Amino acid sequence: MTPLTPDPIRTERLLLLPLLVEHAEEMAAALADPRLHTFIGGSPADPQALRARYERLVAGSPDPAVAWCNWVIQLADQERLVGTVQATVSGPADERLAEIAWVVGTPWQGRGIATEATRALIGWLGQRRVDLVIAHIHPEHRASAAVATAAGLAPTDVVHEGEIRWTGPAGG
């Protein structure tokens, strides 16, 4: 697989910035609400734990056939980090797929930020010859289901670890 390196992605209101270890402190504050973990499990990470996680993510996948692409979501007009989007890309060049995920801090939810960022991510993936996009969403997580629908994904009958698999084409 040709290596994928996240580029900055600009939308009308957002700038998706490639993840840096230095984002950990601001992101720990942005994602500090325990309610964010209602459907995904776990608890908010402190800055040190997030820094360690970001160090692993920035280093990249140990599997050369898999690319980890991670961005922080910045409100362009405020230069404030409010969430993340990510894609794990795998598969042969003619059948690439990406498993994606998104999270937006509680204070910024309900403003279409996750939808705008996810659409931009899916568009970016399409430009890099990714064919299929997959997301796994808890069956009761209506907000994430709405984001997936608005981004062109549809639920399937597949359930993986208690979450419904949503799929759609890359490219937006």
C-alpha atoms as a PDB file:
ATOM      1  CA  MET A   1       0.000   0.000   0.000  1.00  0.00           C
ATOM      2  CA  THR A   2       1.245   3.497  -0.821  1.00  0.00           C
ATOM      3  CA  PRO A   3       1.847   5.288   2.483  1.00  0.00           C
ATOM      4  CA  LEU A   4      -0.850   7.759   3.441  1.00  0.00           C
ATOM      5  CA  THR A   5       0.135  10.843   5.362  1.00  0.00           C
ATOM      6  CA  PRO A   6      -2.565  13.103   6.748  1.00  0.00           C
ATOM      7  CA  ASP A   7      -2.611  16.575   5.206  1.00  0.00           C
ATOM      8  CA  PRO A   8      -4.417  19.573   6.677  1.00  0.00           C
ATOM      9  CA  ILE A   9      -8.021  19.610   5.456  1.00  0.00           C
ATOM     10  CA  ARG A  10      -9.981  22.874   5.346  1.00  0.00           C
ATOM     11  CA  THR A  11     -13.771  23.125   5.381  1.00  0.00           C
ATOM     12  CA  GLU A  12     -16.041  26.133   5.661  1.00  0.00           C
ATOM     13  CA  ARG A  13     -15.667  26.375   9.450  1.00  0.00           C
ATOM     14  CA  LEU A  14     -12.987  23.867  10.345  1.00  0.00           C
ATOM     15  CA  LEU A  15      -9.378  23.011   9.902  1.00  0.00           C
ATOM     16  CA  LEU A  16      -8.487  19.347  10.344  1.00  0.00           C
ATOM     17  CA  LEU A  17      -4.874  19.326  11.475  1.00  0.00           C
ATOM     18  CA  PRO A  18      -2.692  16.216  11.399  1.00  0.00           C
ATOM     19  CA  LEU A  19      -2.384  14.935  14.948  1.00  0.00           C
ATOM     20  CA  LEU A  20       0.691  16.010  16.904  1.00  0.00           C
ATOM     21  CA  VAL A  21       1.789  14.882  20.357  1.00  0.00           C
ATOM     22  CA  GLU A  22       1.661  18.546  21.344  1.00  0.00           C
ATOM     23  CA  HIS A  23      -2.142  18.516  20.926  1.00  0.00           C
ATOM     24  CA  ALA A  24      -2.556  16.251  23.966  1.00  0.00           C
ATOM     25  CA  GLU A  25      -3.032  18.885  26.652  1.00  0.00           C
ATOM     26  CA  GLU A  26      -5.651  20.924  24.777  1.00  0.00           C
ATOM     27  CA  MET A  27      -7.439  17.767  23.597  1.00  0.00           C
ATOM     28  CA  ALA A  28      -7.541  16.339  27.134  1.00  0.00           C
ATOM     29  CA  ALA A  29      -9.477  19.448  28.178  1.00  0.00           C
ATOM     30  CA  ALA A  30     -11.733  19.369  25.091  1.00  0.00           C
ATOM     31  CA  LEU A  31     -12.623  15.704  25.652  1.00  0.00           C
ATOM     32  CA  ALA A  32     -12.815  15.771  29.467  1.00  0.00           C
ATOM     33  CA  ASP A  33     -16.565  15.141  29.786  1.00  0.00           C
ATOM     34  CA  PRO A  34     -17.202  11.556  30.996  1.00  0.00           C
ATOM     35  CA  ARG A  35     -20.473  11.538  28.993  1.00  0.00           C
ATOM     36  CA  LEU A  36     -18.387  11.216  25.816  1.00  0.00           C
ATOM     37  CA  HIS A  37     -17.648   7.653  26.926  1.00  0.00           C
ATOM     38  CA  THR A  38     -21.261   6.556  27.394  1.00  0.00           C
ATOM     39  CA  PHE A  39     -21.240   4.508  24.183  1.00  0.00           C
ATOM     40  CA  ILE A  40     -17.519   3.925  23.601  1.00  0.00           C
ATOM     41  CA  GLY A  41     -16.516   2.929  27.125  1.00  0.00           C
ATOM     42  CA  GLY A  42     -13.556   4.008  29.159  1.00  0.00           C
ATOM     43  CA  SER A  43     -13.087   7.385  30.736  1.00  0.00           C
ATOM     44  CA  PRO A  44     -11.472  10.703  29.807  1.00  0.00           C
ATOM     45  CA  ALA A  45      -7.703  10.566  29.466  1.00  0.00           C
ATOM     46  CA  ASP A  46      -5.531  12.993  31.383  1.00  0.00           C
ATOM     47  CA  PRO A  47      -2.922  14.963  29.403  1.00  0.00           C
ATOM     48  CA  GLN A  48      -0.127  12.487  30.176  1.00  0.00           C
ATOM     49  CA  ALA A  49      -2.149   9.447  29.073  1.00  0.00           C
ATOM     50  CA  LEU A  50      -3.318  11.259  25.956  1.00  0.00           C
ATOM     51  CA  ARG A  51       0.261  12.279  25.179  1.00  0.00           C
ATOM     52  CA  ALA A  52       1.344   8.618  25.386  1.00  0.00           C
ATOM     53  CA  ARG A  53      -1.551   7.578  23.117  1.00  0.00           C
ATOM     54  CA  TYR A  54      -0.732  10.323  20.629  1.00  0.00           C
ATOM     55  CA  GLU A  55       2.938   9.263  20.606  1.00  0.00           C
ATOM     56  CA  ARG A  56       1.833   5.764  19.521  1.00  0.00           C
ATOM     57  CA  LEU A  57      -0.581   7.103  16.911  1.00  0.00           C
ATOM     58  CA  VAL A  58       1.895   9.580  15.437  1.00  0.00           C
ATOM     59  CA  ALA A  59       4.546   6.832  15.205  1.00  0.00           C
ATOM     60  CA  GLY A  60       2.168   4.988  12.877  1.00  0.00           C
ATOM     61  CA  SER A  61       0.971   1.446  12.499  1.00  0.00           C
ATOM     62  CA  PRO A  62       3.563  -1.276  13.007  1.00  0.00           C
ATOM     63  CA  ASP A  63       1.936  -3.044  10.035  1.00  0.00           C
ATOM     64  CA  PRO A  64       3.180  -1.500   6.767  1.00  0.00           C
ATOM     65  CA  ALA A  65      -0.082  -2.574   5.101  1.00  0.00           C
ATOM     66  CA  VAL A  66      -2.096  -0.355   7.466  1.00  0.00           C
ATOM     67  CA  ALA A  67      -2.071   3.436   7.682  1.00  0.00           C
ATOM     68  CA  TRP A  68      -3.206   5.335  10.753  1.00  0.00           C
ATOM     69  CA  CYS A  69      -4.503   8.763   9.754  1.00  0.00           C
ATOM     70  CA  ASN A  70      -5.458  11.043  12.642  1.00  0.00           C
ATOM     71  CA  TRP A  71      -6.500  14.683  12.821  1.00  0.00           C
ATOM     72  CA  VAL A  72      -7.621  17.113  15.468  1.00  0.00           C
ATOM     73  CA  ILE A  73     -10.598  19.309  14.613  1.00  0.00           C
ATOM     74  CA  GLN A  74      -9.934  23.012  15.009  1.00  0.00           C
ATOM     75  CA  LEU A  75     -12.567  25.736  14.821  1.00  0.00           C
ATOM     76  CA  ALA A  76     -10.912  27.904  12.182  1.00  0.00           C
ATOM     77  CA  ASP A  77     -12.221  31.219  13.493  1.00  0.00           C
ATOM     78  CA  GLN A  78     -11.228  30.526  17.114  1.00  0.00           C
ATOM     79  CA  GLU A  79      -8.108  28.369  16.707  1.00  0.00           C
ATOM     80  CA  ARG A  80      -9.585  26.047  19.320  1.00  0.00           C
ATOM     81  CA  LEU A  81      -9.339  22.250  19.221  1.00  0.00           C
ATOM     82  CA  VAL A  82     -12.730  20.621  19.712  1.00  0.00           C
ATOM     83  CA  GLY A  83     -12.434  16.994  18.614  1.00  0.00           C
ATOM     84  CA  THR A  84     -10.815  14.365  16.419  1.00  0.00           C
ATOM     85  CA  VAL A  85     -11.409  12.329  13.293  1.00  0.00           C
ATOM     86  CA  GLN A  86      -9.446   9.263  12.353  1.00  0.00           C
ATOM     87  CA  ALA A  87      -9.153   6.638   9.655  1.00  0.00           C
ATOM     88  CA  THR A  88      -7.394   3.293   9.660  1.00  0.00           C
ATOM     89  CA  VAL A  89      -6.745   2.459   6.005  1.00  0.00           C
ATOM     90  CA  SER A  90      -5.956  -1.055   4.804  1.00  0.00           C
ATOM     91  CA  GLY A  91      -6.353  -3.389   1.874  1.00  0.00           C
ATOM     92  CA  PRO A  92      -4.801  -3.707  -1.567  1.00  0.00           C
ATOM     93  CA  ALA A  93      -4.651  -0.625  -3.808  1.00  0.00           C
ATOM     94  CA  ASP A  94      -7.710  -1.690  -5.789  1.00  0.00           C
ATOM     95  CA  GLU A  95      -9.817  -2.496  -2.699  1.00  0.00           C
ATOM     96  CA  ARG A  96      -8.762  -0.012  -0.037  1.00  0.00           C
ATOM     97  CA  LEU A  97     -11.050   0.465   2.912  1.00  0.00           C
ATOM     98  CA  ALA A  98     -10.995   2.839   5.831  1.00  0.00           C
ATOM     99  CA  GLU A  99     -12.463   2.366   9.266  1.00  0.00           C
ATOM    100  CA  ILE A 100     -13.297   5.815  10.563  1.00  0.00           C
ATOM    101  CA  ALA A 101     -14.300   7.389  13.850  1.00  0.00           C
ATOM    102  CA  TRP A 102     -15.012  10.863  15.188  1.00  0.00           C
ATOM    103  CA  VAL A 103     -15.530  12.584  18.499  1.00  0.00           C
ATOM    104  CA  VAL A 104     -16.414  16.180  19.311  1.00  0.00           C
ATOM    105  CA  GLY A 105     -16.230  17.624  22.805  1.00  0.00           C
ATOM    106  CA  THR A 106     -19.532  18.131  24.579  1.00  0.00           C
ATOM    107  CA  PRO A 107     -19.498  21.977  24.520  1.00  0.00           C
ATOM    108  CA  TRP A 108     -19.322  21.938  20.696  1.00  0.00           C
ATOM    109  CA  GLN A 109     -21.862  19.208  19.958  1.00  0.00           C
ATOM    110  CA  GLY A 110     -25.086  19.939  18.123  1.00  0.00           C
ATOM    111  CA  ARG A 111     -23.455  22.428  15.731  1.00  0.00           C
ATOM    112  CA  GLY A 112     -22.763  20.102  12.792  1.00  0.00           C
ATOM    113  CA  ILE A 113     -19.037  19.992  13.517  1.00  0.00           C
ATOM    114  CA  ALA A 114     -18.791  16.188  13.534  1.00  0.00           C
ATOM    115  CA  THR A 115     -20.745  15.981  10.277  1.00  0.00           C
ATOM    116  CA  GLU A 116     -18.628  18.632   8.575  1.00  0.00           C
ATOM    117  CA  ALA A 117     -15.375  17.003   9.730  1.00  0.00           C
ATOM    118  CA  THR A 118     -16.516  13.487   8.799  1.00  0.00           C
ATOM    119  CA  ARG A 119     -17.627  14.562   5.332  1.00  0.00           C
ATOM    120  CA  ALA A 120     -14.243  16.233   4.821  1.00  0.00           C
ATOM    121  CA  LEU A 121     -12.448  13.080   5.990  1.00  0.00           C
ATOM    122  CA  ILE A 122     -14.471  10.879   3.626  1.00  0.00           C
ATOM    123  CA  GLY A 123     -13.732  13.276   0.762  1.00  0.00           C
ATOM    124  CA  TRP A 124     -10.018  13.170   1.562  1.00  0.00           C
ATOM    125  CA  LEU A 125     -10.111   9.365   1.595  1.00  0.00           C
ATOM    126  CA  GLY A 126     -11.836   9.291  -1.794  1.00  0.00           C
ATOM    127  CA  GLN A 127      -9.086  11.466  -3.258  1.00  0.00           C
ATOM    128  CA  ARG A 128      -6.601   8.830  -2.089  1.00  0.00           C
ATOM    129  CA  ARG A 129      -8.350   5.962  -3.849  1.00  0.00           C
ATOM    130  CA  VAL A 130     -10.073   4.511  -0.802  1.00  0.00           C
ATOM    131  CA  ASP A 131     -13.201   2.717  -1.975  1.00  0.00           C
ATOM    132  CA  LEU A 132     -15.124   1.772   1.148  1.00  0.00           C
ATOM    133  CA  VAL A 133     -15.633   3.600   4.436  1.00  0.00           C
ATOM    134  CA  ILE A 134     -16.730   1.751   7.569  1.00  0.00           C
ATOM    135  CA  ALA A 135     -17.837   3.091  10.938  1.00  0.00           C
ATOM    136  CA  HIS A 136     -19.007   1.152  13.986  1.00  0.00           C
ATOM    137  CA  ILE A 137     -21.748   2.843  15.983  1.00  0.00           C
ATOM    138  CA  HIS A 138     -23.540   1.786  19.157  1.00  0.00           C
ATOM    139  CA  PRO A 139     -27.194   1.065  18.293  1.00  0.00           C
ATOM    140  CA  GLU A 140     -28.422   3.670  20.821  1.00  0.00           C
ATOM    141  CA  HIS A 141     -26.021   6.433  19.775  1.00  0.00           C
ATOM    142  CA  ARG A 142     -28.451   8.551  17.757  1.00  0.00           C
ATOM    143  CA  ALA A 143     -26.073  11.499  17.328  1.00  0.00           C
ATOM    144  CA  SER A 144     -23.364   9.343  15.723  1.00  0.00           C
ATOM    145  CA  ALA A 145     -25.961   7.612  13.558  1.00  0.00           C
ATOM    146  CA  ALA A 146     -27.093  11.051  12.359  1.00  0.00           C
ATOM    147  CA  VAL A 147     -23.487  12.023  11.550  1.00  0.00           C
ATOM    148  CA  ALA A 148     -22.951   8.771   9.643  1.00  0.00           C
ATOM    149  CA  THR A 149     -26.174   9.240   7.665  1.00  0.00           C
ATOM    150  CA  ALA A 150     -25.326  12.857   6.802  1.00  0.00           C
ATOM    151  CA  ALA A 151     -21.855  11.696   5.676  1.00  0.00           C
ATOM    152  CA  GLY A 152     -23.335   9.151   3.272  1.00  0.00           C
ATOM    153  CA  LEU A 153     -22.994   5.987   5.328  1.00  0.00           C
ATOM    154  CA  ALA A 154     -25.788   3.464   5.845  1.00  0.00           C
ATOM    155  CA  PRO A 155     -26.266   0.811   8.532  1.00  0.00           C
ATOM    156  CA  THR A 156     -25.721  -2.842   7.657  1.00  0.00           C
ATOM    157  CA  ASP A 157     -26.912  -6.017   9.356  1.00  0.00           C
ATOM    158  CA  VAL A 158     -23.411  -6.647  10.704  1.00  0.00           C
ATOM    159  CA  VAL A 159     -22.891  -6.199  14.438  1.00  0.00           C
ATOM    160  CA  HIS A 160     -19.301  -6.086  15.675  1.00  0.00           C
ATOM    161  CA  GLU A 161     -18.624  -6.012  19.417  1.00  0.00           C
ATOM    162  CA  GLY A 162     -22.127  -4.689  20.066  1.00  0.00           C
ATOM    163  CA  GLU A 163     -21.912  -1.926  17.459  1.00  0.00           C
ATOM    164  CA  ILE A 164     -23.637  -1.709  14.100  1.00  0.00           C
ATOM    165  CA  ARG A 165     -21.374  -1.546  11.059  1.00  0.00           C
ATOM    166  CA  TRP A 166     -22.145   1.396   8.790  1.00  0.00           C
ATOM    167  CA  THR A 167     -20.658   1.549   5.311  1.00  0.00           C
ATOM    168  CA  GLY A 168     -20.515   3.833   2.327  1.00  0.00           C
ATOM    169  CA  PRO A 169     -18.302   4.938  -0.522  1.00  0.00           C
ATOM    170  CA  ALA A 170     -15.360   7.239   0.025  1.00  0.00           C
ATOM    171  CA  GLY A 171     -15.291  10.498  -1.810  1.00  0.00           C
ATOM    172  CA  GLY A 172     -18.326  12.142  -0.288  1.00  0.00           C
END
